[in-house]
Every structure is written in structure tokens, then in C-alpha cells.
Amino acid sequence: MTDQGFGAVRPLPGNGLVAHVGGLLLVCDAAEAVMEDLLGALRETAASGGDGRALARRVAQVLAAMMGEPVACAVAGPVPEGVAVLVSGPAAASVTGSAGEVRLAGRDALTWSDRLVPGPVTRVELRLPEAGAAQRLTRLDGGVVVGGGVECDPSAEGGAPPLPAPQARSAQPEPEIRTPAPAPMAQPPVEAPVALPAAQSDWSPFSSEPSAPSGPAAAHMAPAPSDWSAPPAEPVQPAPPYPMGPPMSPAGPPDHYAQPPAPPMEPQAPVPHPWDSGPMPAVPAQGQGPLSGPAFTSQEDAETARANGMGGDPLGPGDLRNESFEYELPVPGGPPSSPDLMPPAAAEPESRPLVHGVDCKNDHFNDPRVPYCAVCGIALVQRTLVPYKGPRPPLGVLLLDDGVTLRLDADYLLGRDPERAPEVADGSVRPAKVTSPDGSVSRRHLRVALDGWDVNLIDLGSVNGTQIQPPGDPNFYDIPPNEPVTIMPGTTVRIGVSRTMRYESHRNR
């Protein structure tokens, strides 16, 4: 690390402090009580040969110990991959790198924001709210001066520093099976036609006359008096379930399927039935109070008798009921007479993503690339399997070192302050808050993205990076920023410096 790491460093007019020590930059408000601690962190990092990543981590520790309003400060320093930046409070930063201009504002986070901007970097600017424009001829090669910000032009020292060669990727094991896409999908099975309700199973749309009902339902086809839209002017004797009472009237039972329907009767004031709402009355024991009682002279007397559990029916003694107390079938076109006969609610649509997979002989849905069932372990004979698209099961869990468990059935955003990220606001990912005492976890640090049957990690340009330890390997390896990296079950992931988690699959590998 050299003093010329940022090329020409020009202070911006203002009332804060601007420091350039060992190729590291610091801008802070001179009124802050933590100013001396920030300058001490800058000098200690430069004296130990630390880079921008070490400076950001050291400053984060100072800020984490402060209470109250966020401190107005910004730091930056070169790293092998580009430039590490941290901003807090009303301070802001602008860095132009290989991916274009990156802007950071401390107000976007409850604590601070940090980012690793990949190189080559052509411009760096740190500023406080009231900073002025830079004077072209001014220069700060080293030291601490009064100012409102700093502007750096690395090309002023003979060109931008070249981006270092990519770090050698260690022997990270590739997935055991990487076959092409599965065979063409088989035609989906034709759904069976929906069966008609039981009350309509005996009716044929091609006949002009309804067929006679048969089976146990025939004894209950006559609706109860409470199911009529209006009581008849004259009592009508419904068909008894068994030939036990006096003979039926020649008119016979009301036929709800006859065409055309009978003309409506003279409407009368409806009388609410006590069984239309509330719990069902207790069923009387065998031989205790038959369900058909003496005739009543008025509807009011009959309703009162029903409410008191005395039975009775306004239709007279000839109206016998089945003592089995079964519900009556609903009248077509009217509301069901019992909640048990309500039509089933429509099934909620499947919310899990659909992926191509195959079933083992025990009907376990599997990744088509694996040779054995991930649940029961039975061999999958590929030539006898038919791939199809089905709901993806959870791929496992992420076990954090503090005991938190994240179920892998959706994407996650891990970081110090993930709730304020735009990905969480639009509902595309779930937030998972991960903090560290050393301040090495960024506000938006890592995204866990599920792609088909794979679990991918994407480092979101965090300052302290993300490392993985493949199963059976004693070493950790850096993953490149903003690139998906697939991990296998048993992989340990290091977030920042001090936080770790492990990917475990409840499905056998």
C-alpha cells in the first residue's frame, strides 16, 4: 500500500476534516465527538499496512460503539479487487469503476453503508453535505486538513492501476452430476371430469322426464318445511321414507325437476326456523320423545315446542320423520340445508415454484440428475423414468452459528440491515438479519438464490466478502462478487470475518 494509491487527491472546501494517510482516505465532521477515534483508526490501519477492507472494518467498530444519531463520515481505500468504501450519516460517496458509477449515502441505512467497487477505478469522491467544488491545482499527498470532502483521480499518476489478476480458484468440487436438461416432457395426464353432486346423479339431461330416485338418498329427497321459500296455503303431506303412515295424496311429493316448474304459491310472511342458525339440538335417545309429535293448531305453537325440545310438526300427525336424524339433501337452486353439504372450497393455487423432476417407485419427487432417491435412497433407473414439472420441495436449511435456521423454500437476503433493501421491499426475497461485533457484515451482504434444484450464493459487493468451505475441504475460498456460486450440502459459508452458516439438506445426498 503506497501513498500514491489514489493518484491526485484534492480536498473539497468545507468545515470538516479530510485525512489522507498511507493511501487511505477519511472525511468526517469536525464537530463529532468521535473524530479522534476515527483518525486513530485511520492511522492504526495505515501503520499496520492494512488496506481499504481493514479500514472499513476498523471504522465500523468505532461507529458500532456510538449511540444516538449516525456519525457523518466516509472512508475509502484500495483493495486487490478495486476500492472499499464506507459512509455513515449525512456523508456520501461516489466511485466510478468497471461497472459504472456507484453512489452510496449514509442516510440509506440505520447504521452505515459499505460496498466493494470492482476495479479498475477511475474516480473516487467522498463528501459531507456542505462540501464545495474542488480546486484543480490543490493537492493533498498526506496529512489532515480542514475541508468538506475529497476528490481523487487515480489516472493523474500515470494511468489507473491495473486490476490484479483474478485470485486462483481452489479446487472447489463441482456437482457430481451435470447432465443436460431432462428429456422432453410427457404429455400431462388428462384430468378426470368432475363428478356431479349426489343429489343430481340420477338425473339425465337427455331425458324429458326425470328418472325415479333410487338408493338411500331416495328416502330423503323431500325437503323439510323450513327449506321452502314460502309455506303452502294448504298443508301438503310429503312422501314418508317408509310406508308407515297414511297414504300419500294423489298429487304425490313435490317434484323439483319437473319442466316447466309449477307456478309460485301465494307468498306469506316467512317464519324463521330455530334450526336455521346456531348449534344443532341434541339427538333424543331411542324411545325418548319421537321426532313426530302431536299436531299443533298454529305455527307459533309448533316453533315454541321445537325450541323447548318437545318435537311436533305443524303438518299434523301424518308427517313422520326418520329417527336416524340424517340431514336432508339440498333443494336444487336453494341454499344447502346443512354445513356438511356445502360444496368444497376451491383449493388454493400452488405457491411453490415448478421444476422438472422425476418420481422414484415410492413417489418421492427428485432432481432428475441424481442416481438415487434423495428421500428413501432407492436407485433411479433413468431409462424408465418420465420427467415432469412439479412443485419443488424445500432444498434444506441454512444453520447460522447463533442457532437461527433459514428454511430453503425461497430466496434470502442476508446482511446487517436487510429490511430496507429494495429486493425485500418488492417481495422477491426474504430478509435475514445477520450482525457481527466487528462490523464485518455489510448492510446488503449476501443473497441466497434458489435456481431449480441448486442453492446459489451471490456476494452483493460486500466490503469483507464471502467465503465458502466445501464439504471435506479444510480451506475457505473467496467467491467473486455479483456472481452466483452453487454450493453443495455440507458447505460452510463465512459471512464477513466472524459469522458463519452451514447448508444442510434434509434430503440425503
Protein backbone atom coordinates (compact mmCIF):
# COMPACT_ATOMS: atom_id res chain seq x y z
CA MET A 1 0.00 0.00 0.00
CA THR A 2 1.53 3.35 -1.06
CA ASP A 3 0.59 6.97 -0.65
CA GLN A 4 0.05 7.18 -4.40
CA GLY A 5 -2.72 4.55 -4.41
CA PHE A 6 -5.39 7.15 -5.27
CA GLY A 7 -3.30 9.34 -7.57
CA ALA A 8 -4.12 13.06 -7.30
CA VAL A 9 -6.08 13.74 -4.07
CA ARG A 10 -7.82 17.15 -3.98
CA PRO A 11 -9.62 18.36 -0.84
CA LEU A 12 -13.05 19.97 -1.18
CA PRO A 13 -13.82 23.23 0.67
CA GLY A 14 -15.80 22.78 3.90
CA ASN A 15 -15.68 22.80 7.70
CA GLY A 16 -14.94 19.15 8.34
CA LEU A 17 -11.69 17.21 8.39
CA VAL A 18 -10.04 15.47 5.45
CA ALA A 19 -7.27 12.90 6.07
CA HIS A 20 -5.03 11.05 3.61
CA VAL A 21 -2.68 8.60 5.35
CA GLY A 22 -0.97 5.57 3.84
CA GLY A 23 -3.14 5.64 0.72
CA LEU A 24 -6.33 5.58 2.86
CA LEU A 25 -8.92 8.36 2.93
CA LEU A 26 -11.15 9.70 5.72
CA VAL A 27 -13.69 12.55 5.73
CA CYS A 28 -15.60 13.39 8.92
CA ASP A 29 -17.46 16.24 10.60
CA ALA A 30 -15.10 18.19 12.88
CA ALA A 31 -17.91 18.66 15.41
CA GLU A 32 -18.27 14.92 16.05
CA ALA A 33 -17.08 13.70 19.44
CA VAL A 34 -15.82 10.51 17.80
CA MET A 35 -13.48 12.43 15.46
CA GLU A 36 -10.31 11.45 17.33
CA ASP A 37 -11.32 7.79 17.39
CA LEU A 38 -11.87 7.84 13.63
CA LEU A 39 -8.49 9.44 12.99
CA GLY A 40 -6.89 6.91 15.33
CA ALA A 41 -8.47 4.04 13.39
CA LEU A 42 -7.11 5.52 10.14
CA ARG A 43 -3.56 5.85 11.47
CA GLU A 44 -3.54 2.39 13.08
CA THR A 45 -4.74 0.74 9.87
CA ALA A 46 -2.14 2.56 7.76
CA ALA A 47 0.65 1.77 10.24
CA SER A 48 -0.16 -1.93 10.13
CA GLY A 49 -0.22 -1.98 6.31
CA GLY A 50 -3.96 -2.55 6.14
CA ASP A 51 -6.00 -1.88 3.03
CA GLY A 52 -9.43 -0.38 2.47
CA ARG A 53 -11.19 -3.51 3.73
CA ALA A 54 -9.30 -3.36 7.04
CA LEU A 55 -10.03 0.38 7.37
CA ALA A 56 -13.77 -0.12 6.81
CA ARG A 57 -13.84 -2.88 9.39
CA ARG A 58 -11.96 -0.80 11.95
CA VAL A 59 -14.18 2.27 11.39
CA ALA A 60 -17.31 0.09 11.64
CA GLN A 61 -16.20 -0.99 15.11
CA VAL A 62 -15.88 2.65 16.18
CA LEU A 63 -19.31 3.52 14.78
CA ALA A 64 -20.93 0.47 16.38
CA ALA A 65 -19.83 1.68 19.83
CA MET A 66 -21.54 5.06 19.35
CA MET A 67 -25.08 5.83 20.49
CA GLY A 68 -27.52 8.37 19.12
CA GLU A 69 -27.55 9.88 15.65
CA PRO A 70 -25.28 8.33 12.98
CA VAL A 71 -21.86 9.96 12.68
CA ALA A 72 -21.14 11.94 9.50
CA CYS A 73 -18.07 10.30 7.99
CA ALA A 74 -16.82 8.46 4.90
CA VAL A 75 -13.73 6.30 4.31
CA ALA A 76 -12.21 4.65 1.25
CA GLY A 77 -9.16 2.54 0.49
CA PRO A 78 -7.83 0.37 -2.32
CA VAL A 79 -8.08 -3.43 -2.18
CA PRO A 80 -6.83 -6.03 -4.69
CA GLU A 81 -10.28 -6.21 -6.30
CA GLY A 82 -10.92 -2.44 -6.50
CA VAL A 83 -11.91 0.06 -3.78
CA ALA A 84 -13.66 -0.48 -0.43
CA VAL A 85 -15.96 2.37 0.68
CA LEU A 86 -17.95 3.05 3.86
CA VAL A 87 -20.27 6.01 4.52
CA SER A 88 -22.32 6.98 7.58
CA GLY A 89 -24.87 9.64 8.48
CA PRO A 90 -25.27 12.54 6.03
CA ALA A 91 -21.97 11.75 4.25
CA ALA A 92 -21.99 10.36 0.70
CA ALA A 93 -19.59 8.69 -1.72
CA SER A 94 -19.32 8.27 -5.47
CA VAL A 95 -16.98 5.74 -7.09
CA THR A 96 -16.61 5.12 -10.83
CA GLY A 97 -15.36 1.64 -11.63
CA SER A 98 -15.70 -1.11 -14.19
CA ALA A 99 -19.45 -1.36 -13.54
CA GLY A 100 -20.04 2.39 -13.89
CA GLU A 101 -20.69 4.94 -11.19
CA VAL A 102 -21.68 3.64 -7.75
CA ARG A 103 -23.27 6.06 -5.29
CA LEU A 104 -23.56 5.44 -1.56
CA ALA A 105 -25.43 7.54 1.00
CA GLY A 106 -25.20 7.03 4.74
CA ARG A 107 -28.83 8.03 5.15
CA ASP A 108 -29.90 4.89 3.27
CA ALA A 109 -29.07 2.74 6.32
CA LEU A 110 -29.84 2.88 10.01
CA THR A 111 -26.13 2.43 10.77
CA TRP A 112 -23.79 2.73 7.78
CA SER A 113 -23.42 1.55 4.19
CA ASP A 114 -20.38 -0.13 2.69
CA ARG A 115 -19.53 -1.51 -0.71
CA LEU A 116 -16.67 -3.11 -2.60
CA VAL A 117 -16.47 -1.47 -6.03
CA PRO A 118 -14.57 -3.63 -8.51
CA GLY A 119 -11.70 -2.03 -10.43
CA PRO A 120 -10.23 -0.52 -12.39
CA VAL A 121 -11.40 2.64 -10.59
CA THR A 122 -11.11 5.98 -12.37
CA ARG A 123 -12.63 8.38 -9.83
CA VAL A 124 -13.41 8.49 -6.08
CA GLU A 125 -15.27 11.26 -4.25
CA LEU A 126 -16.16 11.48 -0.55
CA ARG A 127 -18.12 14.49 0.66
CA LEU A 128 -20.02 15.99 3.59
CA PRO A 129 -23.35 17.79 2.97
CA GLU A 130 -21.87 21.32 2.64
CA ALA A 131 -18.74 20.49 0.63
CA GLY A 132 -17.81 22.81 -2.22
CA ALA A 133 -16.16 22.20 -5.59
CA ALA A 134 -12.53 21.07 -5.79
CA GLN A 135 -9.78 23.42 -6.91
CA ARG A 136 -7.91 21.82 -9.78
CA LEU A 137 -4.47 22.91 -8.60
CA THR A 138 -4.84 21.82 -4.96
CA ARG A 139 -3.36 18.51 -3.78
CA LEU A 140 -3.18 16.53 -0.56
CA ASP A 141 -0.37 13.97 -0.70
CA GLY A 142 -0.67 13.17 3.01
CA GLY A 143 -1.87 14.51 6.36
CA VAL A 144 -5.01 16.03 7.85
CA VAL A 145 -6.54 19.33 6.68
CA VAL A 146 -9.81 21.23 7.09
CA GLY A 147 -12.29 20.51 4.29
CA GLY A 148 -15.69 19.18 3.37
CA GLY A 149 -14.62 16.22 1.26
CA VAL A 150 -12.04 14.78 -1.07
CA GLU A 151 -11.82 14.06 -4.79
CA CYS A 152 -9.38 11.52 -6.22
CA ASP A 153 -8.20 10.93 -9.77
CA PRO A 154 -6.03 7.77 -9.96
CA SER A 155 -5.20 8.44 -13.61
CA ALA A 156 -3.25 11.54 -12.63
CA GLU A 157 -0.35 9.32 -11.57
CA GLY A 158 0.21 7.88 -15.00
CA GLY A 159 -2.91 5.88 -15.52
CA ALA A 160 -5.30 3.90 -13.44
CA PRO A 161 -3.81 0.98 -11.55
CA PRO A 162 -4.43 -2.25 -13.41
CA LEU A 163 -6.92 -4.64 -11.96
CA PRO A 164 -4.99 -7.52 -10.40
CA ALA A 165 -5.29 -10.96 -11.88
CA PRO A 166 -8.20 -12.95 -10.50
CA GLN A 167 -7.34 -15.00 -7.49
CA ALA A 168 -6.79 -18.62 -8.27
CA ARG A 169 -9.88 -20.56 -7.53
CA SER A 170 -9.14 -23.56 -5.40
CA ALA A 171 -10.32 -26.99 -6.22
CA GLN A 172 -13.92 -26.45 -5.36
CA PRO A 173 -15.79 -29.68 -6.09
CA GLU A 174 -18.25 -29.39 -8.89
CA PRO A 175 -21.66 -31.00 -8.55
CA GLU A 176 -21.34 -34.72 -9.08
CA ILE A 177 -23.87 -34.82 -11.90
CA ARG A 178 -24.18 -32.09 -14.52
CA THR A 179 -26.31 -33.64 -17.23
CA PRO A 180 -28.17 -31.63 -19.87
CA ALA A 181 -31.78 -30.71 -19.50
CA PRO A 182 -34.12 -33.69 -18.95
CA ALA A 183 -35.83 -35.50 -21.76
CA PRO A 184 -38.89 -33.93 -23.37
CA MET A 185 -41.80 -33.78 -21.04
CA ALA A 186 -44.51 -36.40 -21.28
CA GLN A 187 -47.99 -35.23 -22.00
CA PRO A 188 -49.71 -34.29 -18.75
CA PRO A 189 -52.45 -36.66 -17.65
CA VAL A 190 -55.96 -35.65 -18.60
CA GLU A 191 -57.89 -34.55 -15.58
CA ALA A 192 -60.88 -36.69 -14.72
CA PRO A 193 -64.25 -34.98 -15.19
CA VAL A 194 -65.78 -33.53 -12.10
CA ALA A 195 -68.48 -35.74 -10.65
CA LEU A 196 -71.94 -34.26 -10.22
CA PRO A 197 -73.30 -33.81 -6.72
CA ALA A 198 -75.10 -36.78 -5.21
CA ALA A 199 -78.47 -35.03 -5.43
CA GLN A 200 -78.17 -34.80 -9.23
CA SER A 201 -76.59 -38.20 -10.02
CA ASP A 202 -79.93 -39.76 -11.05
CA TRP A 203 -80.92 -37.02 -13.48
CA SER A 204 -80.12 -37.22 -17.18
CA PRO A 205 -80.00 -34.06 -19.33
CA PHE A 206 -81.10 -36.08 -22.36
CA SER A 207 -84.47 -37.20 -20.97
CA SER A 208 -87.58 -35.10 -20.76
CA GLU A 209 -88.76 -36.82 -17.59
CA PRO A 210 -86.58 -37.31 -14.51
CA SER A 211 -85.73 -40.85 -13.58
CA ALA A 212 -87.02 -42.18 -10.32
CA PRO A 213 -84.56 -41.72 -7.44
CA SER A 214 -83.05 -44.82 -6.01
CA GLY A 215 -80.73 -45.78 -3.19
CA PRO A 216 -80.58 -44.42 0.37
CA ALA A 217 -80.91 -40.85 -0.90
CA ALA A 218 -84.43 -41.56 -2.19
CA ALA A 219 -85.79 -41.62 1.36
CA HIS A 220 -84.66 -38.04 1.93
CA MET A 221 -85.45 -36.30 -1.33
CA ALA A 222 -88.44 -34.44 0.17
CA PRO A 223 -87.21 -31.20 1.76
CA ALA A 224 -88.09 -30.15 5.28
CA PRO A 225 -90.79 -27.45 5.64
CA SER A 226 -88.10 -24.98 6.68
CA ASP A 227 -86.39 -25.31 3.27
CA TRP A 228 -89.43 -23.96 1.35
CA SER A 229 -89.27 -20.39 0.17
CA ALA A 230 -92.89 -19.89 1.42
CA PRO A 231 -95.20 -22.26 3.37
CA PRO A 232 -98.09 -23.63 1.25
CA ALA A 233 -101.56 -22.31 1.68
CA GLU A 234 -102.82 -25.84 2.38
CA PRO A 235 -100.84 -28.47 4.29
CA VAL A 236 -99.18 -30.90 1.92
CA GLN A 237 -98.26 -34.39 3.03
CA PRO A 238 -94.70 -35.18 1.88
CA ALA A 239 -93.72 -38.68 0.92
CA PRO A 240 -92.75 -40.71 4.02
CA PRO A 241 -89.39 -42.51 3.94
CA TYR A 242 -91.09 -45.83 4.54
CA PRO A 243 -94.75 -46.98 4.09
CA MET A 244 -95.65 -46.27 7.71
CA GLY A 245 -98.30 -43.54 7.67
CA PRO A 246 -101.50 -42.84 5.86
CA PRO A 247 -101.36 -42.99 2.06
CA MET A 248 -99.99 -40.07 0.11
CA SER A 249 -102.22 -37.61 -1.54
CA PRO A 250 -102.82 -38.26 -5.24
CA ALA A 251 -100.74 -35.22 -6.08
CA GLY A 252 -97.63 -37.02 -4.80
CA PRO A 253 -94.48 -35.40 -3.47
CA PRO A 254 -93.27 -32.11 -4.95
CA ASP A 255 -91.08 -32.72 -7.96
CA HIS A 256 -88.25 -30.17 -8.18
CA TYR A 257 -87.00 -31.40 -11.52
CA ALA A 258 -90.28 -31.25 -13.48
CA GLN A 259 -90.37 -28.99 -16.52
CA PRO A 260 -91.85 -26.42 -16.51
CA PRO A 261 -91.86 -25.54 -12.77
CA ALA A 262 -95.17 -25.14 -11.01
CA PRO A 263 -96.49 -21.56 -10.67
CA PRO A 264 -95.39 -19.88 -7.43
CA MET A 265 -97.76 -20.01 -4.48
CA GLU A 266 -99.17 -17.01 -2.77
CA PRO A 267 -96.31 -15.55 -0.70
CA GLN A 268 -96.68 -15.36 3.03
CA ALA A 269 -94.52 -13.92 5.73
CA PRO A 270 -91.58 -16.34 6.29
CA VAL A 271 -91.22 -17.83 9.73
CA PRO A 272 -87.61 -18.36 10.83
CA HIS A 273 -86.80 -21.88 11.83
CA PRO A 274 -84.84 -22.33 15.07
CA TRP A 275 -82.50 -24.74 13.31
CA ASP A 276 -81.52 -22.25 10.60
CA SER A 277 -78.77 -20.87 12.87
CA GLY A 278 -76.98 -21.95 15.97
CA PRO A 279 -75.81 -25.42 17.06
CA MET A 280 -77.82 -28.50 16.24
CA PRO A 281 -80.08 -29.72 19.11
CA ALA A 282 -79.11 -32.92 20.83
CA VAL A 283 -80.47 -36.14 19.31
CA PRO A 284 -83.03 -37.77 21.63
CA ALA A 285 -82.27 -41.25 22.81
CA GLN A 286 -84.05 -44.25 21.36
CA GLY A 287 -87.62 -44.30 22.63
CA GLN A 288 -87.45 -40.89 24.28
CA GLY A 289 -89.63 -38.35 22.53
CA PRO A 290 -90.26 -39.35 18.90
CA LEU A 291 -89.39 -36.80 16.32
CA SER A 292 -93.01 -36.59 15.21
CA GLY A 293 -95.36 -35.39 17.91
CA PRO A 294 -98.94 -34.23 18.22
CA ALA A 295 -100.34 -31.76 15.74
CA PHE A 296 -100.35 -28.11 16.65
CA THR A 297 -103.02 -25.62 15.75
CA SER A 298 -100.63 -22.77 14.96
CA GLN A 299 -97.17 -22.33 13.56
CA GLU A 300 -96.12 -20.35 16.65
CA ASP A 301 -97.01 -23.25 18.97
CA ALA A 302 -95.00 -25.65 16.83
CA GLU A 303 -91.94 -23.41 16.77
CA THR A 304 -92.11 -22.95 20.54
CA ALA A 305 -92.32 -26.70 21.02
CA ARG A 306 -89.25 -27.24 18.82
CA ALA A 307 -87.27 -24.64 20.74
CA ASN A 308 -88.11 -26.45 24.01
CA GLY A 309 -87.13 -29.86 22.61
CA MET A 310 -90.71 -31.18 22.57
CA GLY A 311 -90.81 -32.13 18.86
CA GLY A 312 -94.02 -31.65 16.94
CA ASP A 313 -94.80 -30.52 13.47
CA PRO A 314 -97.45 -28.14 12.11
CA LEU A 315 -98.24 -30.58 9.33
CA GLY A 316 -100.09 -32.97 11.63
CA PRO A 317 -99.58 -36.50 12.88
CA GLY A 318 -99.26 -37.95 9.41
CA ASP A 319 -95.83 -36.33 8.89
CA LEU A 320 -93.46 -38.99 10.11
CA ARG A 321 -89.71 -38.45 10.12
CA ASN A 322 -86.84 -40.89 10.04
CA GLU A 323 -85.42 -41.26 13.54
CA SER A 324 -81.88 -41.69 12.18
CA PHE A 325 -81.68 -37.86 12.20
CA GLU A 326 -79.81 -37.72 8.90
CA TYR A 327 -79.63 -34.43 7.05
CA GLU A 328 -81.92 -33.84 4.12
CA LEU A 329 -80.47 -33.29 0.66
CA PRO A 330 -80.46 -29.68 -0.53
CA VAL A 331 -83.10 -28.41 -2.89
CA PRO A 332 -81.59 -27.52 -6.29
CA GLY A 333 -81.34 -23.78 -6.67
CA GLY A 334 -81.58 -23.15 -2.92
CA PRO A 335 -79.04 -22.93 -0.11
CA PRO A 336 -77.69 -26.19 1.37
CA SER A 337 -79.67 -27.40 4.36
CA SER A 338 -76.53 -28.39 6.30
CA PRO A 339 -72.93 -27.14 6.54
CA ASP A 340 -71.82 -30.72 5.88
CA LEU A 341 -73.37 -30.48 2.41
CA MET A 342 -71.69 -27.21 1.49
CA PRO A 343 -69.61 -27.50 -1.72
CA PRO A 344 -65.88 -27.86 -1.03
CA ALA A 345 -63.87 -24.66 -1.12
CA ALA A 346 -61.65 -24.16 -4.12
CA ALA A 347 -58.12 -25.34 -3.46
CA GLU A 348 -55.55 -22.59 -3.08
CA PRO A 349 -53.12 -22.37 -6.01
CA GLU A 350 -49.72 -23.96 -5.50
CA SER A 351 -47.25 -21.23 -4.49
CA ARG A 352 -44.06 -23.31 -4.77
CA PRO A 353 -42.02 -22.95 -7.96
CA LEU A 354 -42.40 -25.68 -10.56
CA VAL A 355 -39.26 -27.58 -11.56
CA HIS A 356 -38.54 -30.61 -13.71
CA GLY A 357 -38.16 -33.78 -11.69
CA VAL A 358 -38.84 -37.50 -11.55
CA ASP A 359 -40.57 -39.78 -9.07
CA CYS A 360 -38.98 -42.85 -7.56
CA LYS A 361 -41.06 -46.00 -7.11
CA ASN A 362 -42.16 -44.61 -3.71
CA ASP A 363 -43.49 -41.40 -5.33
CA HIS A 364 -40.73 -39.13 -3.96
CA PHE A 365 -40.10 -36.13 -6.25
CA ASN A 366 -36.39 -35.89 -7.13
CA ASP A 367 -33.78 -33.95 -9.04
CA PRO A 368 -33.56 -35.75 -12.41
CA ARG A 369 -29.75 -35.53 -12.30
CA VAL A 370 -29.26 -37.73 -9.23
CA PRO A 371 -28.86 -41.54 -9.46
CA TYR A 372 -30.61 -42.28 -6.17
CA CYS A 373 -33.77 -41.02 -4.49
CA ALA A 374 -32.90 -38.15 -2.16
CA VAL A 375 -35.52 -39.30 0.39
CA CYS A 376 -35.55 -43.09 0.52
CA GLY A 377 -32.25 -43.80 -1.27
CA ILE A 378 -33.69 -46.18 -3.85
CA ALA A 379 -31.92 -46.34 -7.21
CA LEU A 380 -33.43 -44.27 -10.02
CA VAL A 381 -33.28 -46.13 -13.34
CA GLN A 382 -33.19 -43.19 -15.71
CA ARG A 383 -34.45 -45.04 -18.78
CA THR A 384 -37.68 -45.98 -17.01
CA LEU A 385 -38.44 -42.52 -15.56
CA VAL A 386 -40.66 -39.91 -17.13
CA PRO A 387 -39.69 -36.34 -16.12
CA TYR A 388 -42.48 -33.90 -15.42
CA LYS A 389 -42.90 -30.48 -13.87
CA GLY A 390 -43.96 -30.42 -10.23
CA PRO A 391 -43.77 -28.25 -7.09
CA ARG A 392 -40.21 -28.02 -5.78
CA PRO A 393 -39.81 -29.30 -2.20
CA PRO A 394 -37.65 -27.37 0.30
CA LEU A 395 -34.00 -27.92 -0.53
CA GLY A 396 -32.83 -27.92 3.09
CA VAL A 397 -31.89 -25.33 5.69
CA LEU A 398 -29.16 -22.81 6.46
CA LEU A 399 -27.93 -23.17 10.06
CA LEU A 400 -26.37 -19.94 11.34
CA ASP A 401 -23.77 -20.03 14.09
CA ASP A 402 -26.18 -18.33 16.53
CA GLY A 403 -28.82 -21.07 16.14
CA VAL A 404 -31.06 -19.31 13.60
CA THR A 405 -32.46 -21.66 10.95
CA LEU A 406 -33.47 -20.49 7.47
CA ARG A 407 -35.66 -22.92 5.52
CA LEU A 408 -34.64 -23.07 1.87
CA ASP A 409 -38.01 -22.72 0.20
CA ALA A 410 -37.40 -19.13 -1.03
CA ASP A 411 -34.57 -16.66 -1.70
CA TYR A 412 -32.98 -14.76 1.21
CA LEU A 413 -31.05 -11.52 1.62
CA LEU A 414 -28.53 -11.64 4.44
CA GLY A 415 -26.99 -8.54 5.93
CA ARG A 416 -26.80 -6.10 8.79
CA ASP A 417 -29.89 -4.14 7.69
CA PRO A 418 -31.71 -6.19 5.00
CA GLU A 419 -35.22 -4.90 5.76
CA ARG A 420 -34.55 -1.61 3.94
CA ALA A 421 -33.21 -3.24 0.77
CA PRO A 422 -35.28 -2.82 -2.42
CA GLU A 423 -35.32 -6.60 -3.03
CA VAL A 424 -37.11 -7.09 0.27
CA ALA A 425 -39.50 -4.19 -0.34
CA ASP A 426 -40.75 -5.70 -3.63
CA GLY A 427 -41.17 -9.15 -2.05
CA SER A 428 -38.67 -11.01 -4.23
CA VAL A 429 -36.55 -12.15 -1.24
CA ARG A 430 -36.94 -12.66 2.49
CA PRO A 431 -34.76 -10.63 4.89
CA ALA A 432 -32.36 -12.41 7.26
CA LYS A 433 -30.60 -10.06 9.68
CA VAL A 434 -27.00 -11.03 10.41
CA THR A 435 -24.83 -8.78 12.58
CA SER A 436 -21.29 -9.08 13.90
CA PRO A 437 -19.45 -7.32 16.73
CA ASP A 438 -16.54 -6.47 14.45
CA GLY A 439 -18.75 -4.71 11.87
CA SER A 440 -17.62 -7.00 9.06
CA VAL A 441 -21.14 -7.77 7.77
CA SER A 442 -22.42 -5.31 5.19
CA ARG A 443 -25.90 -3.85 5.10
CA ARG A 444 -26.67 -5.94 1.99
CA HIS A 445 -24.08 -8.66 2.18
CA LEU A 446 -25.19 -11.92 0.60
CA ARG A 447 -28.11 -13.26 -1.41
CA VAL A 448 -29.14 -16.91 -1.29
CA ALA A 449 -30.83 -17.68 -4.62
CA LEU A 450 -32.58 -20.94 -5.45
CA ASP A 451 -32.34 -21.96 -9.09
CA GLY A 452 -34.13 -25.18 -9.92
CA TRP A 453 -32.63 -27.77 -7.58
CA ASP A 454 -29.47 -25.68 -6.88
CA VAL A 455 -28.61 -23.34 -3.98
CA ASN A 456 -26.55 -20.37 -5.17
CA LEU A 457 -24.69 -17.69 -3.21
CA ILE A 458 -24.26 -14.18 -4.62
CA ASP A 459 -21.99 -11.78 -2.74
CA LEU A 460 -23.50 -8.31 -3.24
CA GLY A 461 -20.21 -6.44 -3.37
CA SER A 462 -19.66 -6.61 0.40
CA VAL A 463 -16.51 -5.00 1.73
CA ASN A 464 -15.32 -8.03 3.71
CA GLY A 465 -16.52 -10.59 1.20
CA THR A 466 -17.95 -14.10 1.48
CA GLN A 467 -16.00 -17.35 1.68
CA ILE A 468 -17.07 -20.98 1.33
CA GLN A 469 -15.62 -24.19 2.70
CA PRO A 470 -16.76 -27.16 0.57
CA PRO A 471 -17.58 -30.39 2.41
CA GLY A 472 -14.46 -32.34 3.27
CA ASP A 473 -12.12 -29.42 2.46
CA PRO A 474 -10.24 -27.70 5.34
CA ASN A 475 -9.79 -24.41 3.44
CA PHE A 476 -12.04 -21.42 2.80
CA TYR A 477 -12.22 -19.83 -0.65
CA ASP A 478 -13.40 -16.34 -1.67
CA ILE A 479 -16.36 -16.17 -4.02
CA PRO A 480 -16.32 -13.38 -6.65
CA PRO A 481 -18.76 -10.50 -6.07
CA ASN A 482 -22.02 -10.35 -8.01
CA GLU A 483 -21.59 -13.84 -9.49
CA PRO A 484 -23.71 -16.87 -8.48
CA VAL A 485 -21.78 -19.76 -6.97
CA THR A 486 -23.52 -23.11 -6.46
CA ILE A 487 -22.88 -24.83 -3.13
CA MET A 488 -23.40 -28.44 -2.08
CA PRO A 489 -24.98 -29.74 1.14
CA GLY A 490 -22.43 -29.69 3.92
CA THR A 491 -20.81 -26.43 2.73
CA THR A 492 -19.81 -23.91 5.41
CA VAL A 493 -20.17 -20.23 4.48
CA ARG A 494 -18.26 -17.41 6.16
CA ILE A 495 -20.04 -14.04 6.08
CA GLY A 496 -17.60 -11.21 6.57
CA VAL A 497 -14.96 -12.11 9.14
CA SER A 498 -16.65 -13.70 12.13
CA ARG A 499 -20.09 -15.07 11.10
CA THR A 500 -20.64 -18.49 9.59
CA MET A 501 -23.51 -20.70 8.49
CA ARG A 502 -23.83 -24.24 7.14
CA TYR A 503 -26.00 -25.59 4.34
CA GLU A 504 -27.73 -28.79 5.37
CA SER A 505 -30.19 -30.76 3.28
CA HIS A 506 -32.87 -32.93 4.86
CA ARG A 507 -32.74 -34.85 1.60
CA ASN A 508 -29.90 -37.35 1.54
CA ARG A 509 -27.09 -36.58 -0.87
